[in-house]
N, C-alpha and C. Protein backbone atom coordinates (compact mmCIF):
# COMPACT_ATOMS: atom_id res chain seq x y z
N THR A 1 -45.46 161.78 -9.47
CA THR A 1 -46.39 160.75 -10.00
C THR A 1 -47.84 161.52 -10.22
N ARG A 2 -48.40 160.91 -11.24
CA ARG A 2 -50.04 161.54 -11.68
C ARG A 2 -50.84 161.16 -10.31
N PRO A 3 -51.73 161.99 -10.11
CA PRO A 3 -52.78 161.59 -9.07
C PRO A 3 -53.64 160.44 -9.71
N LEU A 4 -54.48 159.73 -9.01
CA LEU A 4 -55.16 158.61 -9.49
C LEU A 4 -56.62 159.50 -9.93
N VAL A 5 -56.97 158.95 -10.80
CA VAL A 5 -58.43 159.70 -11.65
C VAL A 5 -59.37 158.60 -11.28
N ALA A 6 -60.65 159.09 -11.02
CA ALA A 6 -61.77 158.15 -10.84
C ALA A 6 -62.01 157.29 -11.98
N ALA A 7 -62.03 155.79 -11.56
CA ALA A 7 -62.49 155.00 -12.61
C ALA A 7 -63.93 155.01 -12.89
N PRO A 8 -64.12 154.60 -14.34
CA PRO A 8 -65.60 154.62 -14.63
C PRO A 8 -66.29 153.44 -13.61
N ALA A 9 -67.54 153.74 -13.62
CA ALA A 9 -68.45 152.90 -12.93
C ALA A 9 -68.29 151.43 -13.25
N LEU A 10 -67.97 150.28 -12.42
CA LEU A 10 -67.88 149.02 -12.79
C LEU A 10 -68.89 148.23 -11.93
N PRO A 11 -69.47 147.25 -12.47
CA PRO A 11 -70.32 146.37 -11.80
C PRO A 11 -69.94 145.75 -10.51
N PRO A 12 -70.70 145.97 -9.34
CA PRO A 12 -70.28 145.61 -8.09
C PRO A 12 -70.14 144.11 -7.96
N SER A 13 -69.26 144.10 -6.98
CA SER A 13 -69.12 142.42 -6.76
C SER A 13 -70.26 142.03 -6.00
N THR A 14 -70.45 140.60 -6.09
CA THR A 14 -71.55 139.89 -5.35
C THR A 14 -71.10 139.72 -3.86
N ARG A 15 -69.97 139.66 -3.87
CA ARG A 15 -69.42 139.26 -2.46
C ARG A 15 -68.51 140.49 -1.85
N PRO A 16 -68.26 140.83 -0.67
CA PRO A 16 -67.32 141.75 -0.18
C PRO A 16 -65.95 141.20 -0.40
N GLY A 17 -65.16 142.30 -0.75
CA GLY A 17 -63.80 141.59 -0.97
C GLY A 17 -62.90 142.61 -0.26
N PRO A 18 -61.37 142.41 -0.52
CA PRO A 18 -60.45 143.28 0.37
C PRO A 18 -60.53 144.54 -0.18
N ALA A 19 -60.06 145.39 0.62
CA ALA A 19 -59.93 146.93 0.49
C ALA A 19 -58.67 147.05 -0.38
N ILE A 20 -58.52 148.03 -1.04
CA ILE A 20 -57.26 148.34 -1.57
C ILE A 20 -56.68 149.48 -0.64
N THR A 21 -55.44 148.80 -0.45
CA THR A 21 -54.71 149.79 0.63
C THR A 21 -53.56 150.38 -0.05
N ALA A 22 -53.07 151.46 0.53
CA ALA A 22 -51.81 152.40 -0.04
C ALA A 22 -50.80 151.20 -0.30
N ALA A 23 -50.32 150.51 0.62
CA ALA A 23 -49.42 149.46 0.51
C ALA A 23 -49.68 148.47 -0.71
N ALA A 24 -50.83 148.16 -1.06
CA ALA A 24 -51.00 147.39 -2.15
C ALA A 24 -50.78 148.21 -3.40
N VAL A 25 -51.18 149.31 -3.50
CA VAL A 25 -51.11 150.07 -4.65
C VAL A 25 -49.51 150.16 -4.88
N ARG A 26 -48.75 150.63 -3.92
CA ARG A 26 -47.29 150.84 -3.99
C ARG A 26 -46.46 149.58 -4.20
N ALA A 27 -47.07 148.25 -3.76
CA ALA A 27 -46.23 147.33 -3.74
C ALA A 27 -45.80 146.47 -5.04
N PRO A 28 -44.94 146.12 -5.39
CA PRO A 28 -44.35 145.74 -6.58
C PRO A 28 -45.50 144.46 -7.16
N ILE A 29 -45.60 144.51 -8.65
CA ILE A 29 -46.56 143.47 -8.94
C ILE A 29 -45.54 142.59 -9.37
N ARG A 30 -46.01 141.14 -8.90
CA ARG A 30 -45.05 139.95 -9.43
C ARG A 30 -45.75 139.23 -10.40
N ALA A 31 -45.12 138.43 -11.08
CA ALA A 31 -45.73 137.59 -12.36
C ALA A 31 -46.44 136.46 -11.53
N ALA A 32 -46.17 135.94 -10.12
CA ALA A 32 -46.55 134.96 -9.57
C ALA A 32 -48.00 135.62 -8.94
N LEU A 33 -48.50 136.72 -9.38
CA LEU A 33 -49.96 137.43 -9.02
C LEU A 33 -50.70 136.46 -9.45
N ALA A 34 -50.71 135.87 -10.46
CA ALA A 34 -51.58 135.19 -11.25
C ALA A 34 -51.86 133.88 -10.06
N GLY A 35 -53.40 133.63 -9.99
CA GLY A 35 -53.52 132.83 -9.05
C GLY A 35 -53.57 133.00 -7.52
N GLY A 36 -53.33 134.37 -7.38
CA GLY A 36 -53.52 134.73 -5.87
C GLY A 36 -54.63 135.47 -5.46
N THR A 37 -55.00 135.85 -4.31
CA THR A 37 -56.13 136.68 -3.86
C THR A 37 -55.31 137.83 -2.98
N GLY A 38 -56.60 138.63 -2.94
CA GLY A 38 -56.19 139.86 -2.00
C GLY A 38 -56.21 141.41 -2.54
N ALA A 39 -55.73 142.33 -1.98
CA ALA A 39 -55.63 143.58 -2.33
C ALA A 39 -55.01 143.82 -3.63
N ARG A 40 -53.82 143.26 -3.93
CA ARG A 40 -53.18 143.37 -5.14
C ARG A 40 -53.98 142.94 -6.21
N VAL A 41 -54.67 141.74 -6.14
CA VAL A 41 -55.27 141.39 -7.37
C VAL A 41 -56.57 142.21 -7.40
N LEU A 42 -57.10 142.67 -6.44
CA LEU A 42 -58.16 143.52 -6.41
C LEU A 42 -57.85 145.03 -7.28
N HIS A 43 -56.60 145.49 -6.92
CA HIS A 43 -56.20 146.61 -7.45
C HIS A 43 -55.84 146.43 -8.85
N VAL A 44 -55.30 145.29 -9.48
CA VAL A 44 -55.28 144.99 -10.92
C VAL A 44 -56.69 144.75 -11.49
N GLN A 45 -57.49 144.25 -10.75
CA GLN A 45 -59.06 144.11 -11.39
C GLN A 45 -59.52 145.78 -11.57
N VAL A 46 -59.27 146.73 -10.67
CA VAL A 46 -59.83 147.98 -10.73
C VAL A 46 -59.27 148.48 -12.02
N LEU A 47 -57.81 148.29 -11.97
CA LEU A 47 -57.09 149.14 -13.24
C LEU A 47 -57.66 148.23 -14.63
N LEU A 48 -57.63 147.05 -14.47
CA LEU A 48 -58.19 146.70 -15.82
C LEU A 48 -59.70 146.98 -16.36
N GLY A 49 -60.44 147.31 -15.17
CA GLY A 49 -61.71 147.75 -15.62
C GLY A 49 -61.64 149.22 -16.03
N ALA A 50 -60.94 149.91 -15.27
CA ALA A 50 -60.63 151.22 -15.82
C ALA A 50 -59.87 151.50 -17.09
N ALA A 51 -59.46 150.42 -17.64
CA ALA A 51 -58.75 150.31 -18.97
C ALA A 51 -59.54 149.81 -20.00
N GLY A 52 -60.84 149.40 -19.65
CA GLY A 52 -61.85 149.06 -20.39
C GLY A 52 -61.64 147.53 -20.64
N PHE A 53 -61.22 146.77 -19.90
CA PHE A 53 -61.04 145.33 -19.90
C PHE A 53 -61.41 144.71 -18.51
N SER A 54 -63.02 144.44 -18.67
CA SER A 54 -63.80 144.16 -17.66
C SER A 54 -63.22 142.67 -16.89
N PRO A 55 -62.95 142.48 -15.81
CA PRO A 55 -62.50 141.40 -15.12
C PRO A 55 -63.43 140.38 -14.55
N GLY A 56 -64.90 141.10 -14.59
CA GLY A 56 -65.98 140.45 -14.03
C GLY A 56 -65.94 141.06 -12.56
N ALA A 57 -66.27 140.23 -11.50
CA ALA A 57 -66.57 140.56 -10.04
C ALA A 57 -65.13 141.17 -9.55
N LEU A 58 -65.15 142.35 -8.98
CA LEU A 58 -63.94 142.80 -8.17
C LEU A 58 -64.06 142.37 -6.85
N ASP A 59 -63.40 141.14 -6.82
CA ASP A 59 -63.47 140.33 -5.71
C ASP A 59 -62.13 140.07 -5.06
N GLY A 60 -61.13 140.59 -5.64
CA GLY A 60 -59.68 140.36 -5.20
C GLY A 60 -59.26 138.79 -5.27
N LYS A 61 -59.99 138.13 -6.32
CA LYS A 61 -59.72 136.77 -6.43
C LYS A 61 -59.00 136.58 -8.06
N TRP A 62 -58.18 135.86 -8.28
CA TRP A 62 -57.75 135.72 -9.63
C TRP A 62 -58.59 134.37 -10.19
N GLN A 63 -59.48 134.68 -10.84
CA GLN A 63 -60.23 133.78 -11.49
C GLN A 63 -60.38 133.91 -12.77
N GLN A 64 -61.34 133.20 -13.50
CA GLN A 64 -61.39 133.21 -14.96
C GLN A 64 -61.74 134.53 -15.50
N GLY A 65 -62.60 135.50 -15.22
CA GLY A 65 -62.74 136.73 -15.61
C GLY A 65 -61.43 137.62 -15.44
N THR A 66 -60.70 137.55 -14.54
CA THR A 66 -59.68 138.32 -14.53
C THR A 66 -58.71 137.91 -15.49
N ARG A 67 -58.32 136.45 -15.50
CA ARG A 67 -57.33 136.11 -16.41
C ARG A 67 -57.68 136.37 -18.05
N ASP A 68 -59.03 136.18 -18.31
CA ASP A 68 -59.59 136.56 -19.67
C ASP A 68 -59.10 137.93 -19.85
N ALA A 69 -59.54 138.95 -18.89
CA ALA A 69 -59.31 140.54 -19.16
C ALA A 69 -57.89 140.81 -19.22
N VAL A 70 -57.01 139.94 -18.44
CA VAL A 70 -55.50 140.10 -18.42
C VAL A 70 -55.08 139.75 -20.21
N ARG A 71 -55.35 138.63 -20.45
CA ARG A 71 -55.01 138.19 -21.77
C ARG A 71 -55.48 139.10 -22.95
N ALA A 72 -56.68 139.61 -22.74
CA ALA A 72 -57.15 140.57 -23.58
C ALA A 72 -56.51 141.86 -23.62
N PHE A 73 -56.11 142.18 -22.36
CA PHE A 73 -55.24 143.62 -22.45
C PHE A 73 -53.77 143.16 -22.80
N ARG A 74 -53.15 142.09 -22.55
CA ARG A 74 -51.78 141.82 -23.16
C ARG A 74 -51.93 141.66 -24.81
N GLU A 75 -52.95 141.32 -25.28
CA GLU A 75 -52.82 140.93 -26.68
C GLU A 75 -53.36 142.54 -27.23
N ALA A 76 -53.85 143.23 -26.74
CA ALA A 76 -54.40 144.77 -27.37
C ALA A 76 -53.20 145.62 -27.12
N HIS A 77 -52.28 145.28 -26.32
CA HIS A 77 -51.16 146.11 -25.94
C HIS A 77 -49.87 145.70 -26.47
N ALA A 78 -50.02 144.69 -27.33
CA ALA A 78 -48.85 143.80 -28.05
C ALA A 78 -47.83 143.42 -27.10
N LEU A 79 -48.36 142.84 -25.84
CA LEU A 79 -47.34 142.35 -24.94
C LEU A 79 -47.50 140.72 -25.36
N PRO A 80 -46.31 140.12 -24.77
CA PRO A 80 -46.44 138.54 -24.54
C PRO A 80 -47.64 137.86 -24.20
N ALA A 81 -48.15 136.91 -24.91
CA ALA A 81 -49.22 136.30 -24.53
C ALA A 81 -49.02 135.81 -23.07
N GLY A 82 -50.14 135.90 -22.55
CA GLY A 82 -49.94 135.29 -20.99
C GLY A 82 -51.02 135.72 -20.31
N ASP A 83 -51.44 135.24 -18.95
CA ASP A 83 -52.46 135.58 -18.12
C ASP A 83 -52.04 136.01 -16.78
N ALA A 84 -50.71 136.44 -16.58
CA ALA A 84 -50.08 137.05 -15.62
C ALA A 84 -49.73 138.47 -15.69
N ILE A 85 -49.90 139.29 -14.66
CA ILE A 85 -49.26 140.46 -14.56
C ILE A 85 -47.92 140.84 -14.28
N ASP A 86 -46.95 141.20 -15.25
CA ASP A 86 -45.56 141.22 -14.67
C ASP A 86 -45.32 142.77 -14.54
N GLU A 87 -44.31 143.28 -14.43
CA GLU A 87 -43.58 144.79 -14.49
C GLU A 87 -44.06 145.27 -15.50
N PRO A 88 -43.54 144.90 -16.83
CA PRO A 88 -44.12 145.54 -18.06
C PRO A 88 -45.47 145.69 -18.22
N ALA A 89 -46.34 144.81 -18.07
CA ALA A 89 -47.49 144.82 -18.31
C ALA A 89 -48.31 145.50 -17.17
N TYR A 90 -47.74 145.66 -15.98
CA TYR A 90 -48.47 146.41 -14.89
C TYR A 90 -48.07 147.82 -15.14
N ALA A 91 -46.96 148.35 -15.61
CA ALA A 91 -46.84 149.59 -16.06
C ALA A 91 -47.68 150.07 -17.33
N ARG A 92 -47.73 149.14 -18.23
CA ARG A 92 -48.61 149.66 -19.42
C ARG A 92 -50.02 149.80 -19.01
N LEU A 93 -50.53 148.76 -17.95
CA LEU A 93 -51.87 148.76 -17.26
C LEU A 93 -52.30 149.91 -16.66
N ARG A 94 -51.32 150.46 -15.75
CA ARG A 94 -51.44 151.52 -15.05
C ARG A 94 -51.55 152.93 -16.04
N ALA A 95 -50.83 152.83 -16.92
CA ALA A 95 -50.91 154.04 -18.10
C ALA A 95 -52.18 153.93 -18.71
N ALA A 96 -52.50 152.85 -19.16
CA ALA A 96 -53.78 152.66 -20.06
C ALA A 96 -55.00 153.12 -18.87
N ALA A 97 -54.98 152.72 -17.83
CA ALA A 97 -56.25 152.99 -16.97
C ALA A 97 -56.31 154.46 -16.76
N HIS A 98 -55.24 155.12 -16.48
CA HIS A 98 -55.25 156.66 -16.16
C HIS A 98 -55.34 157.54 -17.36
N ASP A 99 -55.18 156.85 -18.64
CA ASP A 99 -55.02 157.73 -19.94
C ASP A 99 -56.45 157.49 -20.52
N ARG A 100 -57.31 156.73 -20.01
CA ARG A 100 -58.68 156.48 -20.73
C ARG A 100 -59.43 157.71 -20.33
N PRO A 101 -60.37 158.15 -21.18
CA PRO A 101 -61.27 159.19 -20.80
C PRO A 101 -62.38 158.73 -19.95
C-alpha cells in the first residue's frame, strides 16, 4: 500500500470530534455508513476534503455537508447517484484523495 500523504489544510471543526484511529482506516466502509457518526465518518470527511470536496465541519457526523460532498464526489467520478459511501466509492475516494497534488 502507498503511504498516506498530507491532506491540504481544511477548515477546523467548531467542536472536537473523534480521533481517526488505525482501526477506522483499515475497517471496511459500509453503505450503512450514511447517517452514522464516529471515526469512520471522520475518515471519510478527511478523504473528501483531500479529494477537493469539502464536507464542512470535520466532526465525525454524517450531516448535510458530508452528504452534499459525497453526492458531488459520486457525480464527478461517474458513480451511481447517492449519498452513501460503498466499497467502490470508498476505493475511488481513497485514490482521488491520495492522487491530488
